Protein backbone atom coordinates (compact mmCIF):
# COMPACT_ATOMS: atom_id res chain seq x y z
CA UNK A 1 0.01 -0.09 -0.29
CA UNK A 2 1.28 3.59 -1.01
CA UNK A 3 1.18 6.24 1.28
CA UNK A 4 2.35 9.97 1.71
CA UNK A 5 3.07 11.63 4.58
CA UNK A 6 1.96 15.29 5.15
CA UNK A 7 1.75 17.81 7.82
CA UNK A 8 -0.25 21.18 8.21
CA UNK A 9 1.82 23.27 10.89
CA UNK A 10 3.39 20.06 12.35
CA UNK A 11 -0.33 18.77 12.43
CA UNK A 12 1.06 15.29 10.73
CA UNK A 13 -0.87 12.73 9.23
CA UNK A 14 -0.02 9.67 7.10
CA UNK A 15 -2.24 9.92 3.72
CA UNK A 16 -3.76 7.17 1.36
CA UNK A 17 -4.55 7.68 -2.12
CA UNK A 18 -7.75 5.73 -3.03
CA UNK A 19 -8.12 7.41 -6.42
CA UNK A 20 -5.20 5.18 -7.26
CA UNK A 21 -5.68 1.91 -5.00
CA UNK A 22 -8.20 0.41 -3.32
CA UNK A 23 -9.51 1.43 0.32
CA UNK A 24 -7.67 -0.67 2.80
CA UNK A 25 -9.46 -2.79 5.12
CA UNK A 26 -9.32 -2.71 8.77
CA UNK A 27 -8.82 1.54 8.88
CA UNK A 28 -9.23 1.36 12.71
CA UNK A 29 -6.47 -0.99 13.11
CA UNK A 30 -4.47 0.38 10.39
CA UNK A 31 -4.65 3.91 11.76
CA UNK A 32 -3.24 2.61 15.24
CA UNK A 33 -0.33 0.73 13.66
CA UNK A 34 0.76 3.23 10.76
CA UNK A 35 0.40 6.45 13.00
CA UNK A 36 2.66 4.39 15.65
CA UNK A 37 5.89 6.96 15.98
CA UNK A 38 8.17 3.91 17.10
CA UNK A 39 6.76 0.98 15.05
CA UNK A 40 5.00 2.51 12.21
CA UNK A 41 5.37 5.67 9.84
CA UNK A 42 4.47 7.81 12.83
CA UNK A 43 1.77 10.94 12.57
CA UNK A 44 -1.07 12.05 14.47
CA UNK A 45 -3.50 9.58 12.26
CA UNK A 46 -4.52 8.13 8.87
CA UNK A 47 -6.36 10.17 6.40
CA UNK A 48 -7.89 8.65 3.27
CA UNK A 49 -8.23 10.84 0.07
CA UNK A 50 -11.10 9.25 -1.44
CA UNK A 51 -13.51 9.94 -4.54
CA UNK A 52 -16.59 12.03 -3.76
CA UNK A 53 -20.01 11.96 -5.64
CA UNK A 54 -20.47 15.61 -4.40
CA UNK A 55 -17.12 17.21 -4.28
CA UNK A 56 -13.48 16.77 -5.98
CA UNK A 57 -12.68 14.37 -3.19
CA UNK A 58 -13.39 13.36 0.22
CA UNK A 59 -11.51 13.35 3.25
CA UNK A 60 -11.95 10.44 5.78
CA UNK A 61 -9.73 10.69 9.03
CA UNK A 62 -9.11 8.56 11.90
CA UNK A 63 -6.95 9.31 15.20
CA UNK A 64 -4.18 7.57 16.37
CA UNK A 65 -6.16 5.70 18.82
CA UNK A 66 -7.71 4.37 15.71
CA UNK A 67 -10.96 6.33 16.38
CA UNK A 68 -12.66 8.16 13.33
CA UNK A 69 -13.35 11.63 13.34
CA UNK A 70 -15.49 14.27 11.71
CA UNK A 71 -13.07 16.72 10.76
CA UNK A 72 -9.36 18.19 10.85
CA UNK A 73 -8.54 21.65 9.32
CA UNK A 74 -4.94 21.14 8.95
CA UNK A 75 -5.70 17.56 7.43
CA UNK A 76 -8.25 19.26 4.82
CA UNK A 77 -5.41 21.73 3.88
CA UNK A 78 -3.06 19.09 2.85
CA UNK A 79 -5.82 17.03 0.99
CA UNK A 80 -6.36 19.98 -0.94
CA UNK A 81 -2.61 20.39 -1.69
CA UNK A 82 -2.33 16.58 -2.27
CA UNK A 83 -5.44 16.88 -4.68
CA UNK A 84 -3.99 19.45 -6.39
CA UNK A 85 -0.41 18.75 -6.95
CA UNK A 86 -0.95 15.16 -7.92
CA UNK A 87 -3.50 15.88 -10.72
CA UNK A 88 -6.51 14.80 -9.06
CA UNK A 89 -8.37 18.19 -9.72
CA UNK A 90 -6.36 20.71 -11.00
CA UNK A 91 -8.32 23.68 -9.73
CA UNK A 92 -7.41 26.73 -7.53
CA UNK A 93 -10.76 26.48 -5.81
CA UNK A 94 -11.67 23.14 -4.76
CA UNK A 95 -14.89 21.68 -2.62
CA UNK A 96 -14.07 18.82 -0.33
CA UNK A 97 -16.32 16.28 1.53
CA UNK A 98 -15.91 15.87 5.17
CA UNK A 99 -17.89 14.32 7.87
CA UNK A 100 -18.89 17.96 8.63
CA UNK A 101 -20.11 18.64 5.33
CA UNK A 102 -18.83 20.06 2.05
CA UNK A 103 -16.23 22.69 2.56
CA UNK A 104 -14.71 25.19 -0.02
CA UNK A 105 -10.72 25.83 -0.45
CA UNK A 106 -8.94 28.11 -2.25
CA UNK A 107 -5.36 27.20 -3.24
CA UNK A 108 -2.38 30.08 -3.20
CA UNK A 109 -0.12 28.01 -6.15
CA UNK A 110 3.58 29.02 -5.92
CA UNK A 111 6.15 29.44 -9.17
CA UNK A 112 6.52 26.01 -9.05
CA UNK A 113 2.95 24.91 -9.79
CA UNK A 114 2.67 23.28 -6.36
CA UNK A 115 0.28 24.67 -3.51
CA UNK A 116 1.82 26.77 -0.84
CA UNK A 117 -0.71 27.84 1.41
CA UNK A 118 -4.55 26.84 1.56
CA UNK A 119 -7.46 28.90 2.77
CA UNK A 120 -10.55 26.90 3.72
CA UNK A 121 -14.04 28.11 4.63
CA UNK A 122 -14.27 26.08 7.66
CA UNK A 123 -18.34 26.90 7.88
CA UNK A 124 -20.31 28.33 11.00
CA UNK A 125 -19.45 27.41 14.29
CA UNK A 126 -22.09 25.34 16.08
CA UNK A 127 -22.55 26.96 19.72
CA UNK A 128 -25.87 25.16 20.81
CA UNK A 129 -24.80 23.08 23.85
CA UNK A 130 -26.82 20.04 22.18
CA UNK A 131 -24.90 20.22 19.00
CA UNK A 132 -21.30 20.17 20.59
CA UNK A 133 -22.58 18.09 22.23
CA UNK A 134 -22.20 18.60 26.17
CA UNK A 135 -24.61 18.28 29.38
CA UNK A 136 -22.90 21.24 30.88
CA UNK A 137 -26.48 23.12 29.98
CA UNK A 138 -29.83 21.69 28.82
CA UNK A 139 -29.61 24.39 25.93
CA UNK A 140 -28.03 27.77 24.91
CA UNK A 141 -24.40 28.47 24.77
CA UNK A 142 -21.39 27.57 26.98
CA UNK A 143 -19.35 30.72 27.28
CA UNK A 144 -17.00 31.38 30.20
CA UNK A 145 -19.19 28.55 31.82
CA UNK A 146 -17.79 27.36 35.17
CA UNK A 147 -15.90 23.99 35.03
CA UNK A 148 -14.74 22.04 37.81
CA UNK A 149 -12.18 19.14 36.87
CA UNK A 150 -10.10 17.62 39.92
CA UNK A 151 -9.42 20.30 42.19
CA UNK A 152 -9.30 22.78 39.21
CA UNK A 153 -12.08 25.46 38.71
CA UNK A 154 -11.73 26.49 35.05
CA UNK A 155 -13.42 28.90 32.99
CA UNK A 156 -14.97 26.89 29.54
CA UNK A 157 -16.17 27.98 26.08
CA UNK A 158 -17.66 25.31 23.88
CA UNK A 159 -17.72 25.35 20.11
CA UNK A 160 -18.11 22.70 17.52
CA UNK A 161 -16.63 23.13 14.01
CA UNK A 162 -17.95 19.92 12.92
CA UNK A 163 -16.29 18.19 15.72
CA UNK A 164 -16.13 19.48 19.53
CA UNK A 165 -13.87 21.70 20.96
CA UNK A 166 -13.67 22.79 24.92
CA UNK A 167 -11.49 26.35 24.81
CA UNK A 168 -9.74 27.55 28.16
CA UNK A 169 -8.48 30.99 28.33
CA UNK A 170 -5.16 30.98 30.51
CA UNK A 171 -2.15 32.98 31.40
CA UNK A 172 -0.09 30.67 30.60
CA UNK A 173 -0.44 26.87 28.80
CA UNK A 174 1.72 24.94 30.97
CA UNK A 175 2.43 21.37 30.79
CA UNK A 176 0.46 20.78 34.23
CA UNK A 177 -2.57 21.92 32.41
CA UNK A 178 -2.27 20.66 28.43
CA UNK A 179 -0.71 17.19 29.65
CA UNK A 180 -2.35 16.94 33.00
CA UNK A 181 -6.20 18.52 32.65
CA UNK A 182 -5.93 17.76 28.78
CA UNK A 183 -6.49 13.97 28.64
CA UNK A 184 -9.29 14.40 31.85
CA UNK A 185 -11.45 17.03 30.07
CA UNK A 186 -11.26 15.05 26.96
CA UNK A 187 -13.03 12.10 28.44
CA UNK A 188 -15.26 13.74 31.09
CA UNK A 189 -18.73 12.54 31.22
CA UNK A 190 -19.90 15.78 30.51
CA UNK A 191 -18.72 15.35 26.91
CA UNK A 192 -20.41 12.38 25.63
CA UNK A 193 -18.34 12.03 22.41
CA UNK A 194 -14.97 13.29 23.95
CA UNK A 195 -13.79 16.54 23.43
CA UNK A 196 -10.67 18.40 21.96
CA UNK A 197 -9.01 20.73 24.49
CA UNK A 198 -7.36 24.05 23.29
CA UNK A 199 -5.64 25.99 26.12
CA UNK A 200 -4.83 29.60 24.79
CA UNK A 201 -2.67 32.74 25.94
CA UNK A 202 -4.12 36.21 24.67
CA UNK A 203 -1.06 37.90 23.30
CA UNK A 204 -3.30 41.06 22.20
CA UNK A 205 -7.01 41.06 20.59
CA UNK A 206 -5.52 40.15 17.39
CA UNK A 207 -2.95 37.59 18.18
CA UNK A 208 -3.02 34.10 20.52
CA UNK A 209 -1.07 31.45 21.57
CA UNK A 210 -2.36 28.05 21.18
CA UNK A 211 -1.89 24.72 22.56
CA UNK A 212 -4.33 21.50 22.12
CA UNK A 213 -4.80 18.24 23.70
CA UNK A 214 -6.52 16.17 20.64
CA UNK A 215 -9.63 13.96 21.15
CA UNK A 216 -7.75 10.48 20.35
CA UNK A 217 -4.47 11.76 19.51
CA UNK A 218 -3.03 13.30 22.81
CA UNK A 219 -1.10 17.01 22.19
CA UNK A 220 -0.91 18.08 18.84
CA UNK A 221 1.41 20.50 17.06
CA UNK A 222 -1.35 21.94 15.38
CA UNK A 223 -5.14 21.87 15.22
CA UNK A 224 -6.92 23.76 12.72
CA UNK A 225 -10.29 23.15 13.68
CA UNK A 226 -9.45 23.82 17.03
CA UNK A 227 -7.79 27.31 16.10
CA UNK A 228 -11.43 28.08 14.46
CA UNK A 229 -12.98 27.23 17.36
CA UNK A 230 -10.47 29.50 19.68
CA UNK A 231 -11.35 32.28 17.02
CA UNK A 232 -15.24 32.10 17.69
CA UNK A 233 -14.52 31.58 21.46
CA UNK A 234 -12.26 34.84 21.79
CA UNK A 235 -14.89 36.96 20.17
CA UNK A 236 -17.90 35.50 22.41
CA UNK A 237 -15.57 35.94 25.44
CA UNK A 238 -14.89 39.52 24.36
CA UNK A 239 -11.08 38.71 24.33
CA UNK A 240 -9.95 38.95 20.83
CA UNK A 241 -10.85 40.36 17.57
CA UNK A 242 -12.72 38.53 14.73
CA UNK A 243 -9.43 38.38 12.84
CA UNK A 244 -6.77 36.82 14.47
CA UNK A 245 -3.14 35.42 13.93
CA UNK A 246 -2.85 32.13 16.03
CA UNK A 247 0.58 30.70 17.26
CA UNK A 248 0.72 27.00 17.44
CA UNK A 249 3.31 24.82 18.28
CA UNK A 250 4.03 23.69 14.55
CA UNK A 251 3.51 27.13 12.89
CA UNK A 252 1.07 29.91 12.64
CA UNK A 253 -2.79 29.85 11.35
CA UNK A 254 -4.94 33.16 10.39
CA UNK A 255 -8.39 33.10 11.20
CA UNK A 256 -11.60 35.15 10.54
CA UNK A 257 -15.23 34.84 11.94
CA UNK A 258 -16.75 36.96 9.08
CA UNK A 259 -19.92 38.76 10.46
CA UNK A 260 -21.39 39.03 7.26
CA UNK A 261 -21.74 35.26 6.61
CA UNK A 262 -21.07 33.86 9.96
CA UNK A 263 -18.21 31.51 8.56
CA UNK A 264 -15.06 30.90 9.80
CA UNK A 265 -12.09 31.13 7.28
CA UNK A 266 -8.67 29.46 7.90
CA UNK A 267 -5.54 30.14 6.20
CA UNK A 268 -2.26 28.00 6.60
CA UNK A 269 0.61 26.08 4.76
CA UNK A 270 0.34 22.46 3.91
CA UNK A 271 3.52 20.34 3.56
CA UNK A 272 4.18 17.23 1.52
CA UNK A 273 7.17 15.14 3.48
CA UNK A 274 7.85 11.87 1.57
CA UNK A 275 6.27 8.89 0.13
CA UNK A 276 6.60 5.50 0.72
CA UNK A 277 5.18 1.78 0.65
CA UNK A 278 3.60 0.07 3.71
CA UNK A 279 4.16 -3.82 3.75
CA UNK A 280 2.79 -4.83 7.15
């Protein structure tokens, strides 16, 4: 089975081109094995690039623990780059099918006729508690909501960008918070489908720093849907403007929650690292 390793701002996945080869079997098991950083290729998970009846391609993704997820913004940018660079669809504007619906993307093409950056319309945020989902409230938005975990009392804001996020604004995103509380919050029963957790430092109204504990993968170097959710949470809590620069461990993303459409737009890099064959 042929594969390609790609990353978006350090959020790395193993990609399988299912236009050129059959869809592998036992995808959950394959994801766990191929994403293993010691015994496999290594990555935050597995992403299949599949034919789509409604778009130019379909993204199907699995976390490193084998669980299937709806969406990944960094992964989607890499899918867009692969689709263009490898000739599946040679268009500067693509429509990609995800578990969170059809998403349009705009490609920034370099002088070498390869994709450098990708802008994704991430769609509108889902803010109702039942849509996230969370039982923190019977209905309505979860904004700066008091949240007790262990001995810590936090304020959380919950946003779904097709997958669930819990955003916590902090003075400093320390290891104790990210690595200590992250896994506890991810599996807290008040989040019935588990949740991604963002710890965010506000540098200024137009700039933030983010660390992410990702559902099913642990800490990742970037999270596109998480960065989009942070943009929304910053506006909802009055901490940031609608347009922000987000510094993640693996690089920077630019986000804007547009007032006219209500959609979040994300711009960031996509990088192809290497290709190979998996013989397990």
